[in-house]
Amino acid sequence: EEEEARPGRPLTAADAFEGAAVVVYFSDVSRWYRGEVTSVNNDGTFGVAYEDGEEEEAVPLEDLFHELQAGPPPASSPPAAAPPPAARPPLGMPAVERALEGVGLERYAAAFDEQGYDDLGYLLQMNAAERAAVAEGVGMKPGHAGKFVKHGFEAPVA
């Protein structure tokens, strides 16, 4: 029997791009499954193709995890395991555009590009004050700016 996938840290919107390797927990069978993100949907969900051939079209971000590559066996419930070494987010405007789409701020993609904010890794490391300066620089409406300053590229929990 194949080895069960083991979860690491949760994916962020910036990590969940087409081709990203993920693991997803299925509570009905108490098992983690490996997959790959096949689409980034406008509603903040993701298409996932699993290694067993199954596919889902709308997996919420909170269900997607990095796979833990080494360490002790996982607990019977989804653990908060130590994260694997962080991979550098993809570079360029497509990654920034996907991250903006993930939080409903895609209308500002051209302004981000025009102002030179095309490095997602750099943007993800910003604190709230730095995000406020970016929001002002790209001309965000006050409500959008507040959302961006407070949550960055993480979708707010409803």
C-alpha atoms as a PDB file:
ATOM      1  CA  GLU A   1       0.000   0.000   0.000  1.00  0.00           C
ATOM      2  CA  GLU A   2       1.233   3.510  -0.806  1.00  0.00           C
ATOM      3  CA  GLU A   3       2.450   5.740   1.986  1.00  0.00           C
ATOM      4  CA  GLU A   4      -0.154   8.230   3.199  1.00  0.00           C
ATOM      5  CA  ALA A   5       0.526  11.906   2.525  1.00  0.00           C
ATOM      6  CA  ARG A   6       1.609  13.897   5.560  1.00  0.00           C
ATOM      7  CA  PRO A   7       0.534  17.529   6.067  1.00  0.00           C
ATOM      8  CA  GLY A   8       2.878  20.412   6.743  1.00  0.00           C
ATOM      9  CA  ARG A   9       1.840  24.031   7.025  1.00  0.00           C
ATOM     10  CA  PRO A  10      -1.351  25.371   5.401  1.00  0.00           C
ATOM     11  CA  LEU A  11      -1.005  26.933   1.975  1.00  0.00           C
ATOM     12  CA  THR A  12      -1.416  30.676   1.629  1.00  0.00           C
ATOM     13  CA  ALA A  13      -3.038  32.345  -1.367  1.00  0.00           C
ATOM     14  CA  ALA A  14       0.451  33.031  -2.723  1.00  0.00           C
ATOM     15  CA  ASP A  15       1.432  29.347  -2.457  1.00  0.00           C
ATOM     16  CA  ALA A  16      -1.687  28.033  -4.195  1.00  0.00           C
ATOM     17  CA  PHE A  17      -0.811  28.444  -7.865  1.00  0.00           C
ATOM     18  CA  GLU A  18      -1.374  26.074 -10.781  1.00  0.00           C
ATOM     19  CA  GLY A  19       1.037  23.167 -10.462  1.00  0.00           C
ATOM     20  CA  ALA A  20       1.533  23.528  -6.693  1.00  0.00           C
ATOM     21  CA  ALA A  21       1.824  20.207  -4.849  1.00  0.00           C
ATOM     22  CA  VAL A  22      -0.717  19.917  -2.017  1.00  0.00           C
ATOM     23  CA  VAL A  23      -2.198  17.482   0.472  1.00  0.00           C
ATOM     24  CA  VAL A  24      -5.889  17.573   1.424  1.00  0.00           C
ATOM     25  CA  TYR A  25      -7.568  15.905   4.422  1.00  0.00           C
ATOM     26  CA  PHE A  26     -10.710  13.845   3.840  1.00  0.00           C
ATOM     27  CA  SER A  27     -12.482  13.546   7.186  1.00  0.00           C
ATOM     28  CA  ASP A  28     -14.952  10.910   5.943  1.00  0.00           C
ATOM     29  CA  VAL A  29     -12.060   8.431   5.529  1.00  0.00           C
ATOM     30  CA  SER A  30      -9.640  10.093   8.008  1.00  0.00           C
ATOM     31  CA  ARG A  31      -6.878  10.285   5.428  1.00  0.00           C
ATOM     32  CA  TRP A  32      -4.616  12.819   3.711  1.00  0.00           C
ATOM     33  CA  TYR A  33      -4.314  12.675  -0.094  1.00  0.00           C
ATOM     34  CA  ARG A  34      -1.649  14.151  -2.382  1.00  0.00           C
ATOM     35  CA  GLY A  35      -2.690  16.333  -5.279  1.00  0.00           C
ATOM     36  CA  GLU A  36      -1.782  19.203  -7.529  1.00  0.00           C
ATOM     37  CA  VAL A  37      -3.535  22.548  -7.973  1.00  0.00           C
ATOM     38  CA  THR A  38      -4.961  22.560 -11.498  1.00  0.00           C
ATOM     39  CA  SER A  39      -6.833  25.869 -11.420  1.00  0.00           C
ATOM     40  CA  VAL A  40      -7.181  29.060  -9.396  1.00  0.00           C
ATOM     41  CA  ASN A  41     -10.866  29.994  -9.390  1.00  0.00           C
ATOM     42  CA  ASN A  42     -12.294  33.512  -9.189  1.00  0.00           C
ATOM     43  CA  ASP A  43     -14.286  32.598  -6.061  1.00  0.00           C
ATOM     44  CA  GLY A  44     -11.112  31.854  -4.069  1.00  0.00           C
ATOM     45  CA  THR A  45     -11.338  28.076  -4.442  1.00  0.00           C
ATOM     46  CA  PHE A  46      -8.933  25.803  -6.302  1.00  0.00           C
ATOM     47  CA  GLY A  47      -9.174  22.897  -8.703  1.00  0.00           C
ATOM     48  CA  VAL A  48      -7.169  19.891  -7.474  1.00  0.00           C
ATOM     49  CA  ALA A  49      -6.192  16.681  -9.292  1.00  0.00           C
ATOM     50  CA  TYR A  50      -5.322  13.886  -6.863  1.00  0.00           C
ATOM     51  CA  GLU A  51      -2.700  11.217  -7.524  1.00  0.00           C
ATOM     52  CA  ASP A  52      -5.407   8.530  -7.390  1.00  0.00           C
ATOM     53  CA  GLY A  53      -7.053  10.098 -10.474  1.00  0.00           C
ATOM     54  CA  GLU A  54      -9.900  11.881  -8.695  1.00  0.00           C
ATOM     55  CA  GLU A  55     -10.462  15.611  -9.275  1.00  0.00           C
ATOM     56  CA  GLU A  56     -12.267  18.401  -7.440  1.00  0.00           C
ATOM     57  CA  GLU A  57     -13.139  21.763  -8.948  1.00  0.00           C
ATOM     58  CA  ALA A  58     -13.704  23.941  -5.850  1.00  0.00           C
ATOM     59  CA  VAL A  59     -11.434  23.157  -2.885  1.00  0.00           C
ATOM     60  CA  PRO A  60     -11.299  25.996  -0.315  1.00  0.00           C
ATOM     61  CA  LEU A  61      -7.849  27.426   0.479  1.00  0.00           C
ATOM     62  CA  GLU A  62      -8.134  26.376   4.130  1.00  0.00           C
ATOM     63  CA  ASP A  63      -8.235  22.707   3.026  1.00  0.00           C
ATOM     64  CA  LEU A  64      -4.896  22.900   1.172  1.00  0.00           C
ATOM     65  CA  PHE A  65      -1.617  22.051   2.932  1.00  0.00           C
ATOM     66  CA  HIS A  66       2.027  21.626   1.967  1.00  0.00           C
ATOM     67  CA  GLU A  67       3.260  18.052   2.285  1.00  0.00           C
ATOM     68  CA  LEU A  68       5.597  17.354   5.186  1.00  0.00           C
ATOM     69  CA  GLN A  69       8.602  15.493   3.794  1.00  0.00           C
ATOM     70  CA  ALA A  70      10.217  14.123   6.960  1.00  0.00           C
ATOM     71  CA  GLY A  71       9.571  13.582  10.648  1.00  0.00           C
ATOM     72  CA  PRO A  72       7.424  11.420  12.924  1.00  0.00           C
ATOM     73  CA  PRO A  73       4.142   9.868  11.743  1.00  0.00           C
ATOM     74  CA  PRO A  74       1.154  12.236  11.736  1.00  0.00           C
ATOM     75  CA  ALA A  75      -1.452  12.307  14.480  1.00  0.00           C
ATOM     76  CA  SER A  76      -4.880  10.846  13.746  1.00  0.00           C
ATOM     77  CA  SER A  77      -6.344  14.336  13.331  1.00  0.00           C
ATOM     78  CA  PRO A  78      -4.955  17.128  11.149  1.00  0.00           C
ATOM     79  CA  PRO A  79      -1.805  18.300  13.006  1.00  0.00           C
ATOM     80  CA  ALA A  80      -0.167  21.674  13.150  1.00  0.00           C
ATOM     81  CA  ALA A  81       3.184  20.237  12.063  1.00  0.00           C
ATOM     82  CA  ALA A  82       6.442  22.117  11.669  1.00  0.00           C
ATOM     83  CA  PRO A  83       6.654  23.709   8.245  1.00  0.00           C
ATOM     84  CA  PRO A  84       9.070  22.473   5.600  1.00  0.00           C
ATOM     85  CA  PRO A  85      11.668  24.956   4.340  1.00  0.00           C
ATOM     86  CA  ALA A  86       9.805  27.809   2.656  1.00  0.00           C
ATOM     87  CA  ALA A  87       9.927  27.979  -1.106  1.00  0.00           C
ATOM     88  CA  ARG A  88      10.264  31.376  -2.768  1.00  0.00           C
ATOM     89  CA  PRO A  89       6.915  32.525  -4.180  1.00  0.00           C
ATOM     90  CA  PRO A  90       6.806  32.705  -7.979  1.00  0.00           C
ATOM     91  CA  LEU A  91       8.077  35.955  -9.483  1.00  0.00           C
ATOM     92  CA  GLY A  92       6.395  38.297 -11.908  1.00  0.00           C
ATOM     93  CA  MET A  93       3.021  39.870 -12.413  1.00  0.00           C
ATOM     94  CA  PRO A  94       1.112  36.614 -13.030  1.00  0.00           C
ATOM     95  CA  ALA A  95       1.801  35.583  -9.420  1.00  0.00           C
ATOM     96  CA  VAL A  96       0.820  39.014  -8.106  1.00  0.00           C
ATOM     97  CA  GLU A  97      -2.331  38.970 -10.253  1.00  0.00           C
ATOM     98  CA  ARG A  98      -3.331  35.532  -8.865  1.00  0.00           C
ATOM     99  CA  ALA A  99      -2.743  36.733  -5.308  1.00  0.00           C
ATOM    100  CA  LEU A 100      -4.852  39.857  -5.935  1.00  0.00           C
ATOM    101  CA  GLU A 101      -7.602  37.711  -7.484  1.00  0.00           C
ATOM    102  CA  GLY A 102      -7.526  35.498  -4.398  1.00  0.00           C
ATOM    103  CA  VAL A 103      -8.598  38.431  -2.230  1.00  0.00           C
ATOM    104  CA  GLY A 104     -10.934  40.120  -4.730  1.00  0.00           C
ATOM    105  CA  LEU A 105      -8.587  43.003  -5.587  1.00  0.00           C
ATOM    106  CA  GLU A 106      -7.717  42.016  -9.163  1.00  0.00           C
ATOM    107  CA  ARG A 107      -8.889  45.419 -10.458  1.00  0.00           C
ATOM    108  CA  TYR A 108      -5.617  46.879  -9.096  1.00  0.00           C
ATOM    109  CA  ALA A 109      -3.276  44.511 -10.966  1.00  0.00           C
ATOM    110  CA  ALA A 110      -2.354  47.074 -13.649  1.00  0.00           C
ATOM    111  CA  ALA A 111      -1.618  49.692 -10.983  1.00  0.00           C
ATOM    112  CA  PHE A 112       0.595  47.222  -9.069  1.00  0.00           C
ATOM    113  CA  ASP A 113       2.498  46.566 -12.301  1.00  0.00           C
ATOM    114  CA  GLU A 114       2.722  50.286 -13.148  1.00  0.00           C
ATOM    115  CA  GLN A 115       4.133  51.068  -9.692  1.00  0.00           C
ATOM    116  CA  GLY A 116       6.656  48.194  -9.911  1.00  0.00           C
ATOM    117  CA  TYR A 117       5.051  45.873  -7.350  1.00  0.00           C
ATOM    118  CA  ASP A 118       5.686  42.697  -9.362  1.00  0.00           C
ATOM    119  CA  ASP A 119       7.518  40.609  -6.729  1.00  0.00           C
ATOM    120  CA  LEU A 120       5.051  38.569  -4.682  1.00  0.00           C
ATOM    121  CA  GLY A 121       7.719  37.503  -2.177  1.00  0.00           C
ATOM    122  CA  TYR A 122       8.485  41.144  -1.412  1.00  0.00           C
ATOM    123  CA  LEU A 123       4.796  42.013  -1.088  1.00  0.00           C
ATOM    124  CA  LEU A 124       4.134  39.068   1.242  1.00  0.00           C
ATOM    125  CA  GLN A 125       6.833  40.258   3.646  1.00  0.00           C
ATOM    126  CA  MET A 126       5.296  43.720   4.063  1.00  0.00           C
ATOM    127  CA  ASN A 127       3.784  44.810   7.348  1.00  0.00           C
ATOM    128  CA  ALA A 128       0.503  46.723   7.620  1.00  0.00           C
ATOM    129  CA  ALA A 129       2.131  50.173   7.357  1.00  0.00           C
ATOM    130  CA  GLU A 130       3.993  49.146   4.203  1.00  0.00           C
ATOM    131  CA  ARG A 131       0.791  47.675   2.727  1.00  0.00           C
ATOM    132  CA  ALA A 132      -0.965  50.992   3.482  1.00  0.00           C
ATOM    133  CA  ALA A 133       1.672  52.828   1.445  1.00  0.00           C
ATOM    134  CA  VAL A 134       1.213  50.369  -1.433  1.00  0.00           C
ATOM    135  CA  ALA A 135      -2.578  50.746  -1.256  1.00  0.00           C
ATOM    136  CA  GLU A 136      -2.241  54.531  -1.477  1.00  0.00           C
ATOM    137  CA  GLY A 137       0.347  54.303  -4.256  1.00  0.00           C
ATOM    138  CA  VAL A 138      -1.855  52.093  -6.443  1.00  0.00           C
ATOM    139  CA  GLY A 139      -4.961  54.201  -5.777  1.00  0.00           C
ATOM    140  CA  MET A 140      -7.107  51.708  -3.885  1.00  0.00           C
ATOM    141  CA  LYS A 141     -10.562  52.813  -2.780  1.00  0.00           C
ATOM    142  CA  PRO A 142     -10.711  53.262   1.027  1.00  0.00           C
ATOM    143  CA  GLY A 143     -12.651  50.030   1.654  1.00  0.00           C
ATOM    144  CA  HIS A 144     -10.319  48.004  -0.533  1.00  0.00           C
ATOM    145  CA  ALA A 145      -7.282  49.632   1.076  1.00  0.00           C
ATOM    146  CA  GLY A 146      -8.561  48.748   4.555  1.00  0.00           C
ATOM    147  CA  LYS A 147      -9.044  45.129   3.535  1.00  0.00           C
ATOM    148  CA  PHE A 148      -5.570  44.965   1.953  1.00  0.00           C
ATOM    149  CA  VAL A 149      -3.874  46.646   4.924  1.00  0.00           C
ATOM    150  CA  LYS A 150      -5.583  44.363   7.442  1.00  0.00           C
ATOM    151  CA  HIS A 151      -5.388  41.035   5.591  1.00  0.00           C
ATOM    152  CA  GLY A 152      -2.749  41.428   2.869  1.00  0.00           C
ATOM    153  CA  PHE A 153      -3.104  38.477   0.494  1.00  0.00           C
ATOM    154  CA  GLU A 154      -4.938  36.256   2.997  1.00  0.00           C
ATOM    155  CA  ALA A 155      -8.687  36.072   2.394  1.00  0.00           C
ATOM    156  CA  PRO A 156     -10.586  37.346   5.448  1.00  0.00           C
ATOM    157  CA  VAL A 157     -12.434  34.676   7.412  1.00  0.00           C
ATOM    158  CA  ALA A 158     -16.191  35.131   7.038  1.00  0.00           C
END
